[in-house]
């Protein structure tokens, strides 16, 4: 188990005064069966009231409006979280039973349907079907499909954008964690395995020293359902361990962006982001 301190600063800058902005932040982790939030807070400048709630998919949301003129909006989320590894354990479920169980719950049905972001190319569908056909248990099949996608797509900044789709990233065979997660989710859904997008943080150093702050960034991985929900990080082709801090879940990135907002003003906004992660224990 590790104790991780995360400071995530983000926001928008404008070339002139905007009269008002309306925003939602999904930047604070919640306590789950594998992580415990010791403390969390959200600081907003300009200062304003915050309405906090949990959304449809179980993600903590901070909604706030800034109704006075401002040239910059700064949001800083601070969290201290204890995290334990979440090793993969296959349940031995059959494909027929998976079909029956997936149809019983909105929680799984919601994550069977492709979105615009996850719809896979025909080549990805064929890869997923080929791998699935070699397994009688959808759990190991899901694992192998994710590994195949992770091996096939190179992690690289600047090739895709925040609005890129899984099909576009697959054509390039390059992308960031968001793209690789979308491709793998689309592949799993294509063979009837419910899969959901997970947003959070990953400490970049497996053997991080205690007390050393390092530069990090938001991260994305996925969870599949094969009797129970199981997480996997296809970008790094690793199990979800004590370096992963979960913030939100959804059908794709559109359900869990760290910051979303609209504003009143004729200016084009510029997003800025800075993440620092420190192992405390």
Foldseek 3Di string as FASTA:
>chain_A
DFKKKKKKKKWKFWPFKFQKKKKKFLADFDDDPFKHWPDKDKAKPVDWDWDWDADPQGFIMTITMDRGIDRIIMMMMITIMFGFFFDDDFDQFFPVVLLVVLVPDPNQVQQLDADQQQAADPVLLVLLVVLVVVDRAVRVSLLVSLQVLLVQAAEDPPPDDPPHHLHSRNVVSYYHQQNSQSPSSNNCSSSPKGKKKWKWWFDPDPPDDAPDKDWTDIHIWMWIDRPHTATARSNVSGGGGRRTGTRGIDNGVVVHPRMDMDTGDPTDMDMDMTMMMGTND
